[in-house]
Every structure is written in structure tokens, then in C-alpha cells.
Amino acid sequence: MTVKRRPGRRPGSADTRGEILSAARKVFAEKGFDKATVRGIAREAQVDPALVHHYFDTKDRMFTEAMRLPVTPELVIPTLLDGPREELGRRLVTMILTVTAEAETREPMIALIRSAMTNEQAAQMFKEFVTRALLSRVAEELGVPHLRIEAAFAQMFGVLMARYVLRLEPMASADPEELIDLLAPTIQRYFVE
């Protein structure tokens, strides 16, 4: 016997919108933008797909809201630049590995990376955010050519891809301190004038 759902609010949490966003982050992180579906996100959030459309209209809008990154340039840049320049590489690697250590902060970032690989709109959004909000500002603050900043970013981007998307071993399960010790000297090299 099938129990018919009653219309209206579902029992339980009153933060349905927040639960849908949480589910969207998880699904986008696992599948990327193109392969994630409203039905799949609704299933993950345990809601009717119509409710997802009610709150977000389109998958694009849901993606935009779900990808609000857990760290902002206003927090990242001062943290990165606060301290001796000869320790900048270590601070950068430590910050990235710390932020991505927890699923709650890692999933939106990985979802954005995956989506940028498969969706031109997401790639453009990611490129604009990274270039304008982070790389250009850091290059300007440090007085370092953009190419050097982009090279450091590309290296760390590759580490995140290997660790969290491709899950290459032993990179995926390596202790963060071991990775920091391994990567920091290389990243530091990009910041030397």
C-alpha cells in the first residue's frame, strides 16, 4: 500500500530551503553541474522536485546560491598576506588544505571545480571569481607578476584535483602536514621577487 503525500509543508525542519542548498552542494560536488539534476537534488534533500523549483526556479540559480564559498577574499587575502613573506608559500598551502579538510567547506569548492570542467558558464564564473577576487588582488598586494600567482594557483588547483576529484593515492589520504612540508617550498618559489 502506498501512502499518499499530503500537500503543504513536510514534517520536520522548517529550514527546507537550507536543506535543499546543502543537498545541492553535495550533489554538485559529486557530479558536477551538468550531471546534477533537480530530481537528484530533491531526492538527496528528501523533498519533491516541485519544491526545489519553488525555491530556486532553475538549476543555474540553485548552483549560484549553493556555491557561495565558505571563505571570502576579504578573509583569505589578509590571512595570506599577514606574516613574513618568506612563509607565504606555507601559509597558502596550509590555508587551502585546512579549508578543504572539512566536507562542509570542501564540497562547494569541489563542486565548483567539477562544474567548471564540464560547463562553460560555470568555468567563466569560476575564472572571473578567481582572477578578480583573488589572484589579481594578491599579485597587486605582493608586487608579483600575475603569471607567478597563476602558476602557484595552478599548482594548488592540481593538488585539489588529485586529492579530492581523482582521489589519487597516496595524495588523497596523505596527512595534511606532510603535504604542507612537501608543497610549501615549491609554492614559495613563485613569490620570490
N, C-alpha and C. Protein backbone atom coordinates (compact mmCIF):
# COMPACT_ATOMS: atom_id res chain seq x y z
N MET A 1 0.84 -1.19 0.00
CA MET A 1 0.00 0.00 0.00
C MET A 1 0.89 1.25 0.00
N THR A 2 0.62 2.16 -0.90
CA THR A 2 1.38 3.39 -1.00
C THR A 2 0.66 4.48 -0.22
N VAL A 3 1.45 5.18 0.59
CA VAL A 3 0.89 6.29 1.36
C VAL A 3 0.97 7.54 0.51
N LYS A 4 -0.15 8.19 0.34
CA LYS A 4 -0.19 9.39 -0.48
C LYS A 4 0.32 10.58 0.34
N ARG A 5 1.19 11.37 -0.27
CA ARG A 5 1.70 12.56 0.39
C ARG A 5 0.62 13.62 0.47
N ARG A 6 0.59 14.27 1.60
CA ARG A 6 -0.36 15.38 1.74
C ARG A 6 0.33 16.65 1.29
N PRO A 7 -0.42 17.55 0.65
CA PRO A 7 0.19 18.81 0.22
C PRO A 7 0.56 19.67 1.43
N GLY A 8 1.40 20.67 1.17
CA GLY A 8 1.79 21.58 2.24
C GLY A 8 3.17 21.28 2.75
N ARG A 9 3.46 21.80 3.92
CA ARG A 9 4.80 21.62 4.49
C ARG A 9 5.04 20.19 4.88
N ARG A 10 6.29 19.81 4.74
CA ARG A 10 6.65 18.48 5.17
C ARG A 10 6.95 18.53 6.67
N PRO A 11 6.81 17.42 7.35
CA PRO A 11 7.12 17.43 8.78
C PRO A 11 8.63 17.58 9.00
N GLY A 12 8.99 18.03 10.17
CA GLY A 12 10.41 18.15 10.50
C GLY A 12 10.89 19.57 10.42
N SER A 13 12.12 19.76 9.97
CA SER A 13 12.79 21.04 9.95
C SER A 13 12.04 22.09 9.14
N ALA A 14 12.07 23.31 9.65
CA ALA A 14 11.43 24.41 8.94
C ALA A 14 12.38 25.04 7.92
N ASP A 15 13.65 24.62 7.92
CA ASP A 15 14.63 25.19 7.00
C ASP A 15 14.78 24.34 5.75
N THR A 16 13.68 24.16 5.04
CA THR A 16 13.69 23.34 3.84
C THR A 16 14.64 23.91 2.80
N ARG A 17 14.62 25.22 2.63
CA ARG A 17 15.49 25.87 1.65
C ARG A 17 16.95 25.57 1.96
N GLY A 18 17.34 25.68 3.22
CA GLY A 18 18.70 25.39 3.64
C GLY A 18 19.07 23.93 3.40
N GLU A 19 18.13 23.03 3.63
CA GLU A 19 18.39 21.61 3.40
C GLU A 19 18.56 21.31 1.91
N ILE A 20 17.80 22.01 1.08
CA ILE A 20 17.94 21.85 -0.37
C ILE A 20 19.32 22.37 -0.81
N LEU A 21 19.73 23.52 -0.28
CA LEU A 21 21.06 24.04 -0.62
C LEU A 21 22.16 23.09 -0.19
N SER A 22 22.03 22.53 0.99
CA SER A 22 23.01 21.56 1.49
C SER A 22 23.08 20.34 0.57
N ALA A 23 21.91 19.84 0.18
CA ALA A 23 21.85 18.70 -0.74
C ALA A 23 22.45 19.07 -2.09
N ALA A 24 22.16 20.29 -2.56
CA ALA A 24 22.69 20.75 -3.85
C ALA A 24 24.21 20.80 -3.81
N ARG A 25 24.78 21.31 -2.74
CA ARG A 25 26.25 21.35 -2.62
C ARG A 25 26.83 19.94 -2.73
N LYS A 26 26.20 19.01 -2.04
CA LYS A 26 26.70 17.63 -2.05
C LYS A 26 26.61 17.03 -3.45
N VAL A 27 25.47 17.19 -4.10
CA VAL A 27 25.25 16.61 -5.42
C VAL A 27 26.15 17.28 -6.47
N PHE A 28 26.27 18.61 -6.43
CA PHE A 28 27.17 19.29 -7.36
C PHE A 28 28.60 18.84 -7.14
N ALA A 29 29.00 18.65 -5.89
CA ALA A 29 30.37 18.20 -5.59
C ALA A 29 30.62 16.80 -6.14
N GLU A 30 29.63 15.95 -6.05
CA GLU A 30 29.79 14.56 -6.52
C GLU A 30 29.70 14.44 -8.03
N LYS A 31 28.82 15.24 -8.66
CA LYS A 31 28.53 15.01 -10.07
C LYS A 31 28.91 16.15 -11.00
N GLY A 32 29.19 17.33 -10.47
CA GLY A 32 29.42 18.49 -11.33
C GLY A 32 28.10 19.09 -11.77
N PHE A 33 28.17 20.23 -12.43
CA PHE A 33 26.96 20.96 -12.80
C PHE A 33 26.11 20.19 -13.81
N ASP A 34 26.71 19.72 -14.88
CA ASP A 34 25.93 19.12 -15.96
C ASP A 34 25.22 17.83 -15.57
N LYS A 35 25.86 17.01 -14.75
CA LYS A 35 25.26 15.72 -14.41
C LYS A 35 24.34 15.79 -13.19
N ALA A 36 24.40 16.86 -12.44
CA ALA A 36 23.47 17.03 -11.31
C ALA A 36 22.10 17.36 -11.87
N THR A 37 21.06 16.80 -11.26
CA THR A 37 19.70 17.09 -11.72
C THR A 37 18.88 17.61 -10.55
N VAL A 38 17.83 18.34 -10.89
CA VAL A 38 16.91 18.84 -9.86
C VAL A 38 16.29 17.65 -9.13
N ARG A 39 15.94 16.62 -9.87
CA ARG A 39 15.37 15.41 -9.23
C ARG A 39 16.35 14.76 -8.27
N GLY A 40 17.62 14.68 -8.68
CA GLY A 40 18.63 14.09 -7.82
C GLY A 40 18.85 14.92 -6.56
N ILE A 41 18.83 16.23 -6.71
CA ILE A 41 18.99 17.12 -5.55
C ILE A 41 17.77 17.00 -4.65
N ALA A 42 16.59 16.94 -5.24
CA ALA A 42 15.37 16.77 -4.45
C ALA A 42 15.40 15.45 -3.68
N ARG A 43 15.85 14.42 -4.35
CA ARG A 43 15.95 13.10 -3.70
C ARG A 43 16.91 13.16 -2.51
N GLU A 44 18.06 13.80 -2.71
CA GLU A 44 19.05 13.94 -1.63
C GLU A 44 18.47 14.74 -0.46
N ALA A 45 17.69 15.78 -0.76
CA ALA A 45 17.09 16.62 0.28
C ALA A 45 15.79 16.03 0.84
N GLN A 46 15.33 14.94 0.22
CA GLN A 46 14.08 14.28 0.60
C GLN A 46 12.88 15.22 0.50
N VAL A 47 12.82 15.91 -0.65
CA VAL A 47 11.70 16.79 -0.94
C VAL A 47 11.21 16.51 -2.36
N ASP A 48 10.05 17.02 -2.68
CA ASP A 48 9.50 16.92 -4.02
C ASP A 48 10.27 17.87 -4.94
N PRO A 49 10.57 17.46 -6.19
CA PRO A 49 11.27 18.36 -7.12
C PRO A 49 10.56 19.70 -7.32
N ALA A 50 9.24 19.71 -7.22
CA ALA A 50 8.50 20.96 -7.36
C ALA A 50 8.89 21.97 -6.28
N LEU A 51 9.23 21.46 -5.10
CA LEU A 51 9.65 22.34 -4.02
C LEU A 51 11.01 22.97 -4.33
N VAL A 52 11.87 22.21 -4.97
CA VAL A 52 13.18 22.75 -5.39
C VAL A 52 12.95 23.89 -6.38
N HIS A 53 12.07 23.67 -7.35
CA HIS A 53 11.75 24.72 -8.33
C HIS A 53 11.10 25.92 -7.66
N HIS A 54 10.30 25.67 -6.65
CA HIS A 54 9.63 26.75 -5.92
C HIS A 54 10.66 27.70 -5.32
N TYR A 55 11.71 27.15 -4.71
CA TYR A 55 12.71 27.98 -4.05
C TYR A 55 13.74 28.57 -5.01
N PHE A 56 14.06 27.86 -6.10
CA PHE A 56 15.19 28.28 -6.92
C PHE A 56 14.89 28.48 -8.40
N ASP A 57 13.72 28.20 -8.87
CA ASP A 57 13.34 28.35 -10.28
C ASP A 57 14.14 27.44 -11.21
N THR A 58 15.46 27.59 -11.24
CA THR A 58 16.28 26.83 -12.19
C THR A 58 17.48 26.20 -11.48
N LYS A 59 18.06 25.24 -12.14
CA LYS A 59 19.28 24.61 -11.62
C LYS A 59 20.41 25.63 -11.58
N ASP A 60 20.47 26.53 -12.57
CA ASP A 60 21.50 27.57 -12.59
C ASP A 60 21.44 28.45 -11.35
N ARG A 61 20.24 28.87 -11.01
CA ARG A 61 20.07 29.74 -9.83
C ARG A 61 20.46 28.98 -8.56
N MET A 62 20.07 27.71 -8.49
CA MET A 62 20.41 26.91 -7.32
C MET A 62 21.93 26.77 -7.22
N PHE A 63 22.58 26.53 -8.34
CA PHE A 63 24.03 26.41 -8.35
C PHE A 63 24.68 27.69 -7.84
N THR A 64 24.21 28.82 -8.35
CA THR A 64 24.77 30.11 -7.95
C THR A 64 24.67 30.31 -6.44
N GLU A 65 23.53 29.98 -5.88
CA GLU A 65 23.35 30.15 -4.43
C GLU A 65 24.11 29.09 -3.64
N ALA A 66 24.12 27.88 -4.12
CA ALA A 66 24.78 26.79 -3.40
C ALA A 66 26.29 26.98 -3.37
N MET A 67 26.84 27.63 -4.39
CA MET A 67 28.29 27.76 -4.47
C MET A 67 28.85 28.96 -3.72
N ARG A 68 28.08 29.53 -2.86
CA ARG A 68 28.63 30.59 -2.01
C ARG A 68 29.75 29.95 -1.21
N LEU A 69 30.92 30.32 -1.56
CA LEU A 69 32.08 29.67 -0.98
C LEU A 69 32.19 29.97 0.51
N PRO A 70 32.71 29.01 1.27
CA PRO A 70 32.79 29.15 2.72
C PRO A 70 33.83 30.16 3.19
N VAL A 71 34.69 30.58 2.30
CA VAL A 71 35.68 31.59 2.63
C VAL A 71 35.56 32.71 1.61
N THR A 72 35.79 33.91 2.06
CA THR A 72 35.68 35.06 1.17
C THR A 72 37.05 35.68 0.97
N PRO A 73 37.23 36.38 -0.15
CA PRO A 73 38.51 37.06 -0.36
C PRO A 73 38.86 38.02 0.78
N GLU A 74 37.85 38.62 1.39
CA GLU A 74 38.09 39.55 2.49
C GLU A 74 38.73 38.86 3.69
N LEU A 75 38.52 37.55 3.84
CA LEU A 75 39.16 36.80 4.91
C LEU A 75 40.46 36.15 4.43
N VAL A 76 40.45 35.64 3.22
CA VAL A 76 41.58 34.89 2.69
C VAL A 76 42.81 35.77 2.48
N ILE A 77 42.62 36.90 1.83
CA ILE A 77 43.77 37.73 1.45
C ILE A 77 44.53 38.26 2.66
N PRO A 78 43.85 38.85 3.66
CA PRO A 78 44.62 39.30 4.83
C PRO A 78 45.31 38.15 5.56
N THR A 79 44.65 37.00 5.66
CA THR A 79 45.27 35.84 6.31
C THR A 79 46.51 35.41 5.55
N LEU A 80 46.41 35.40 4.26
CA LEU A 80 47.53 35.00 3.41
C LEU A 80 48.69 35.99 3.51
N LEU A 81 48.38 37.27 3.51
CA LEU A 81 49.43 38.29 3.46
C LEU A 81 49.96 38.68 4.84
N ASP A 82 49.31 38.26 5.89
CA ASP A 82 49.71 38.63 7.25
C ASP A 82 50.83 37.73 7.73
N GLY A 83 52.04 38.24 7.70
CA GLY A 83 53.19 37.46 8.15
C GLY A 83 54.37 37.65 7.23
N PRO A 84 55.48 37.05 7.59
CA PRO A 84 56.70 37.20 6.78
C PRO A 84 56.51 36.65 5.37
N ARG A 85 57.05 37.36 4.41
CA ARG A 85 56.92 36.95 3.00
C ARG A 85 57.57 35.60 2.75
N GLU A 86 58.63 35.28 3.47
CA GLU A 86 59.31 34.00 3.25
C GLU A 86 58.51 32.80 3.75
N GLU A 87 57.37 33.06 4.41
CA GLU A 87 56.49 31.97 4.87
C GLU A 87 55.16 31.96 4.11
N LEU A 88 55.06 32.78 3.08
CA LEU A 88 53.82 32.91 2.32
C LEU A 88 53.38 31.59 1.68
N GLY A 89 54.33 30.85 1.09
CA GLY A 89 54.00 29.57 0.46
C GLY A 89 53.39 28.61 1.46
N ARG A 90 53.97 28.56 2.65
CA ARG A 90 53.47 27.67 3.71
C ARG A 90 52.07 28.11 4.15
N ARG A 91 51.86 29.42 4.31
CA ARG A 91 50.53 29.91 4.72
C ARG A 91 49.47 29.56 3.67
N LEU A 92 49.83 29.72 2.40
CA LEU A 92 48.88 29.42 1.32
C LEU A 92 48.51 27.94 1.31
N VAL A 93 49.50 27.07 1.32
CA VAL A 93 49.22 25.63 1.30
C VAL A 93 48.44 25.22 2.54
N THR A 94 48.84 25.73 3.70
CA THR A 94 48.14 25.41 4.95
C THR A 94 46.69 25.85 4.89
N MET A 95 46.46 27.07 4.40
CA MET A 95 45.10 27.60 4.33
C MET A 95 44.23 26.74 3.40
N ILE A 96 44.73 26.42 2.23
CA ILE A 96 43.95 25.64 1.27
C ILE A 96 43.65 24.24 1.81
N LEU A 97 44.65 23.60 2.39
CA LEU A 97 44.43 22.25 2.91
C LEU A 97 43.54 22.26 4.15
N THR A 98 43.58 23.33 4.93
CA THR A 98 42.72 23.44 6.11
C THR A 98 41.27 23.66 5.67
N VAL A 99 41.07 24.56 4.73
CA VAL A 99 39.71 24.85 4.25
C VAL A 99 39.08 23.62 3.60
N THR A 100 39.88 22.85 2.89
CA THR A 100 39.33 21.69 2.19
C THR A 100 39.30 20.42 3.04
N ALA A 101 39.79 20.49 4.26
CA ALA A 101 39.80 19.30 5.13
C ALA A 101 38.41 18.88 5.57
N GLU A 102 37.51 19.83 5.76
CA GLU A 102 36.16 19.54 6.21
C GLU A 102 35.20 19.47 5.02
N ALA A 103 34.35 18.46 5.01
CA ALA A 103 33.40 18.27 3.90
C ALA A 103 32.54 19.50 3.69
N GLU A 104 32.12 20.14 4.76
CA GLU A 104 31.23 21.30 4.66
C GLU A 104 31.84 22.44 3.86
N THR A 105 33.14 22.65 4.00
CA THR A 105 33.80 23.71 3.25
C THR A 105 34.41 23.20 1.95
N ARG A 106 34.75 21.93 1.91
CA ARG A 106 35.35 21.34 0.70
C ARG A 106 34.31 21.15 -0.41
N GLU A 107 33.13 20.65 -0.09
CA GLU A 107 32.15 20.28 -1.12
C GLU A 107 31.78 21.43 -2.06
N PRO A 108 31.52 22.65 -1.54
CA PRO A 108 31.21 23.73 -2.50
C PRO A 108 32.37 24.03 -3.45
N MET A 109 33.59 23.96 -2.93
CA MET A 109 34.75 24.24 -3.77
C MET A 109 34.94 23.15 -4.83
N ILE A 110 34.81 21.91 -4.43
CA ILE A 110 34.99 20.80 -5.37
C ILE A 110 33.85 20.80 -6.40
N ALA A 111 32.66 21.13 -5.95
CA ALA A 111 31.53 21.22 -6.88
C ALA A 111 31.80 22.28 -7.95
N LEU A 112 32.34 23.40 -7.52
CA LEU A 112 32.64 24.46 -8.47
C LEU A 112 33.74 24.03 -9.44
N ILE A 113 34.76 23.35 -8.94
CA ILE A 113 35.83 22.85 -9.81
C ILE A 113 35.28 21.85 -10.82
N ARG A 114 34.49 20.87 -10.35
CA ARG A 114 33.91 19.87 -11.26
C ARG A 114 33.04 20.54 -12.31
N SER A 115 32.21 21.46 -11.87
CA SER A 115 31.29 22.12 -12.79
C SER A 115 32.04 22.96 -13.80
N ALA A 116 33.13 23.60 -13.37
CA ALA A 116 33.93 24.41 -14.29
C ALA A 116 34.55 23.56 -15.39
N MET A 117 34.77 22.27 -15.09
CA MET A 117 35.35 21.37 -16.09
C MET A 117 34.34 20.94 -17.15
N THR A 118 33.05 21.01 -16.83
CA THR A 118 32.04 20.48 -17.74
C THR A 118 31.04 21.51 -18.24
N ASN A 119 31.09 22.72 -17.70
CA ASN A 119 30.08 23.71 -18.06
C ASN A 119 30.75 25.06 -18.29
N GLU A 120 30.56 25.61 -19.48
CA GLU A 120 31.24 26.86 -19.83
C GLU A 120 30.82 28.02 -18.94
N GLN A 121 29.55 28.08 -18.58
CA GLN A 121 29.08 29.16 -17.70
C GLN A 121 29.75 29.05 -16.33
N ALA A 122 29.83 27.84 -15.81
CA ALA A 122 30.48 27.64 -14.51
C ALA A 122 31.97 27.96 -14.62
N ALA A 123 32.60 27.57 -15.73
CA ALA A 123 34.02 27.87 -15.93
C ALA A 123 34.26 29.37 -15.96
N GLN A 124 33.39 30.08 -16.65
CA GLN A 124 33.52 31.54 -16.72
C GLN A 124 33.34 32.16 -15.34
N MET A 125 32.34 31.66 -14.60
CA MET A 125 32.09 32.17 -13.26
C MET A 125 33.29 31.92 -12.35
N PHE A 126 33.83 30.71 -12.42
CA PHE A 126 34.98 30.33 -11.61
C PHE A 126 36.19 31.19 -11.98
N LYS A 127 36.44 31.33 -13.27
CA LYS A 127 37.58 32.10 -13.76
C LYS A 127 37.48 33.56 -13.31
N GLU A 128 36.31 34.14 -13.45
CA GLU A 128 36.11 35.53 -13.05
C GLU A 128 36.32 35.71 -11.55
N PHE A 129 35.76 34.80 -10.77
CA PHE A 129 35.91 34.91 -9.32
C PHE A 129 37.37 34.79 -8.93
N VAL A 130 38.04 33.76 -9.40
CA VAL A 130 39.43 33.51 -9.02
C VAL A 130 40.33 34.65 -9.48
N THR A 131 40.14 35.10 -10.72
CA THR A 131 41.02 36.14 -11.27
C THR A 131 40.80 37.48 -10.58
N ARG A 132 39.56 37.91 -10.51
CA ARG A 132 39.28 39.25 -9.98
C ARG A 132 39.35 39.34 -8.47
N ALA A 133 38.73 38.37 -7.82
CA ALA A 133 38.62 38.47 -6.36
C ALA A 133 39.87 38.02 -5.63
N LEU A 134 40.65 37.13 -6.24
CA LEU A 134 41.80 36.58 -5.52
C LEU A 134 43.14 36.90 -6.19
N LEU A 135 43.37 36.32 -7.36
CA LEU A 135 44.71 36.38 -7.96
C LEU A 135 45.19 37.79 -8.24
N SER A 136 44.36 38.61 -8.84
CA SER A 136 44.78 39.98 -9.16
C SER A 136 45.08 40.77 -7.90
N ARG A 137 44.26 40.59 -6.89
CA ARG A 137 44.48 41.33 -5.64
C ARG A 137 45.75 40.88 -4.94
N VAL A 138 46.00 39.58 -4.92
CA VAL A 138 47.22 39.07 -4.28
C VAL A 138 48.44 39.54 -5.06
N ALA A 139 48.40 39.46 -6.39
CA ALA A 139 49.53 39.91 -7.22
C ALA A 139 49.82 41.38 -6.96
N GLU A 140 48.77 42.18 -6.89
CA GLU A 140 48.93 43.61 -6.65
C GLU A 140 49.53 43.88 -5.27
N GLU A 141 48.99 43.21 -4.25
CA GLU A 141 49.49 43.41 -2.89
C GLU A 141 50.96 43.01 -2.75
N LEU A 142 51.34 41.94 -3.42
CA LEU A 142 52.71 41.43 -3.30
C LEU A 142 53.68 42.06 -4.29
N GLY A 143 53.14 42.71 -5.32
CA GLY A 143 54.00 43.25 -6.36
C GLY A 143 54.68 42.15 -7.17
N VAL A 144 53.95 41.05 -7.37
CA VAL A 144 54.46 39.88 -8.09
C VAL A 144 53.73 39.79 -9.43
N PRO A 145 54.42 39.43 -10.51
CA PRO A 145 53.73 39.28 -11.80
C PRO A 145 52.57 38.28 -11.72
N HIS A 146 51.51 38.58 -12.45
CA HIS A 146 50.33 37.71 -12.45
C HIS A 146 50.66 36.28 -12.83
N LEU A 147 51.60 36.11 -13.74
CA LEU A 147 51.96 34.76 -14.18
C LEU A 147 52.44 33.91 -13.00
N ARG A 148 53.20 34.50 -12.09
CA ARG A 148 53.69 33.76 -10.93
C ARG A 148 52.53 33.36 -10.01
N ILE A 149 51.61 34.28 -9.80
CA ILE A 149 50.46 34.00 -8.93
C ILE A 149 49.61 32.90 -9.57
N GLU A 150 49.40 33.00 -10.88
CA GLU A 150 48.62 31.98 -11.58
C GLU A 150 49.30 30.63 -11.56
N ALA A 151 50.63 30.61 -11.62
CA ALA A 151 51.36 29.35 -11.55
C ALA A 151 51.19 28.70 -10.18
N ALA A 152 51.25 29.50 -9.12
CA ALA A 152 51.03 28.98 -7.76
C ALA A 152 49.59 28.45 -7.63
N PHE A 153 48.64 29.21 -8.17
CA PHE A 153 47.24 28.78 -8.14
C PHE A 153 47.06 27.47 -8.91
N ALA A 154 47.69 27.38 -10.09
CA ALA A 154 47.56 26.17 -10.91
C ALA A 154 48.11 24.96 -10.18
N GLN A 155 49.22 25.14 -9.48
CA GLN A 155 49.80 24.02 -8.73
C GLN A 155 48.83 23.55 -7.64
N MET A 156 48.25 24.49 -6.89
CA MET A 156 47.33 24.11 -5.82
C MET A 156 46.01 23.56 -6.39
N PHE A 157 45.60 24.08 -7.52
CA PHE A 157 44.42 23.56 -8.20
C PHE A 157 44.64 22.09 -8.55
N GLY A 158 45.83 21.79 -9.06
CA GLY A 158 46.19 20.40 -9.39
C GLY A 158 46.18 19.51 -8.16
N VAL A 159 46.66 20.02 -7.05
CA VAL A 159 46.66 19.25 -5.80
C VAL A 159 45.22 18.93 -5.39
N LEU A 160 44.34 19.92 -5.46
CA LEU A 160 42.93 19.68 -5.10
C LEU A 160 42.28 18.67 -6.05
N MET A 161 42.59 18.78 -7.34
CA MET A 161 42.05 17.82 -8.31
C MET A 161 42.53 16.40 -7.98
N ALA A 162 43.83 16.25 -7.73
CA ALA A 162 44.39 14.93 -7.45
C ALA A 162 43.85 14.37 -6.13
N ARG A 163 43.72 15.21 -5.14
CA ARG A 163 43.33 14.77 -3.80
C ARG A 163 41.84 14.48 -3.68
N TYR A 164 41.00 15.37 -4.24
CA TYR A 164 39.56 15.27 -3.99
C TYR A 164 38.70 14.87 -5.17
N VAL A 165 39.17 15.07 -6.39
CA VAL A 165 38.37 14.70 -7.56
C VAL A 165 38.83 13.35 -8.09
N LEU A 166 40.11 13.24 -8.43
CA LEU A 166 40.64 11.97 -8.94
C LEU A 166 40.92 10.98 -7.81
N ARG A 167 41.12 11.51 -6.63
CA ARG A 167 41.43 10.71 -5.43
C ARG A 167 42.63 9.79 -5.67
N LEU A 168 43.69 10.38 -6.18
CA LEU A 168 44.92 9.64 -6.43
C LEU A 168 45.59 9.30 -5.10
N GLU A 169 46.02 8.09 -4.99
CA GLU A 169 46.74 7.67 -3.79
C GLU A 169 48.23 7.66 -4.08
N PRO A 170 49.02 8.09 -3.17
CA PRO A 170 48.74 8.38 -1.76
C PRO A 170 48.32 9.82 -1.47
N MET A 171 48.18 10.67 -2.52
CA MET A 171 47.80 12.07 -2.32
C MET A 171 46.48 12.21 -1.56
N ALA A 172 45.49 11.40 -1.92
CA ALA A 172 44.16 11.54 -1.33
C ALA A 172 44.15 11.30 0.17
N SER A 173 44.96 10.39 0.65
CA SER A 173 44.93 10.07 2.07
C SER A 173 46.15 10.60 2.83
N ALA A 174 46.98 11.36 2.17
CA ALA A 174 48.18 11.89 2.82
C ALA A 174 47.82 12.83 3.95
N ASP A 175 48.62 12.81 4.99
CA ASP A 175 48.44 13.71 6.11
C ASP A 175 48.67 15.15 5.63
N PRO A 176 47.80 16.09 6.00
CA PRO A 176 47.96 17.47 5.54
C PRO A 176 49.34 18.06 5.88
N GLU A 177 49.87 17.76 7.05
CA GLU A 177 51.19 18.29 7.42
C GLU A 177 52.28 17.81 6.46
N GLU A 178 52.18 16.55 6.05
CA GLU A 178 53.15 16.01 5.10
C GLU A 178 53.06 16.75 3.76
N LEU A 179 51.82 17.02 3.32
CA LEU A 179 51.64 17.76 2.07
C LEU A 179 52.13 19.20 2.19
N ILE A 180 51.88 19.81 3.34
CA ILE A 180 52.34 21.19 3.56
C ILE A 180 53.86 21.24 3.45
N ASP A 181 54.54 20.32 4.13
CA ASP A 181 56.00 20.28 4.08
C ASP A 181 56.51 20.04 2.66
N LEU A 182 55.81 19.21 1.90
CA LEU A 182 56.22 18.88 0.54
C LEU A 182 55.97 20.04 -0.43
N LEU A 183 54.81 20.69 -0.32
CA LEU A 183 54.40 21.68 -1.31
C LEU A 183 54.84 23.11 -1.02
N ALA A 184 54.96 23.47 0.24
CA ALA A 184 55.23 24.87 0.61
C ALA A 184 56.49 25.44 -0.05
N PRO A 185 57.61 24.70 -0.08
CA PRO A 185 58.81 25.29 -0.72
C PRO A 185 58.60 25.59 -2.21
N THR A 186 57.88 24.73 -2.89
CA THR A 186 57.62 24.94 -4.32
C THR A 186 56.72 26.15 -4.53
N ILE A 187 55.67 26.25 -3.73
CA ILE A 187 54.77 27.39 -3.84
C ILE A 187 55.50 28.69 -3.47
N GLN A 188 56.33 28.64 -2.45
CA GLN A 188 57.10 29.82 -2.03
C GLN A 188 57.95 30.37 -3.17
N ARG A 189 58.47 29.49 -3.99
CA ARG A 189 59.33 29.90 -5.10
C ARG A 189 58.64 30.89 -6.04
N TYR A 190 57.32 30.76 -6.17
CA TYR A 190 56.57 31.67 -7.05
C TYR A 190 56.49 33.09 -6.51
N PHE A 191 56.69 33.24 -5.21
CA PHE A 191 56.53 34.56 -4.58
C PHE A 191 57.84 35.30 -4.40
N VAL A 192 58.94 34.69 -4.79
CA VAL A 192 60.24 35.33 -4.67
C VAL A 192 60.37 36.37 -5.78
N GLU A 193 60.79 37.54 -5.41
CA GLU A 193 60.91 38.63 -6.40
C GLU A 193 62.09 38.43 -7.33
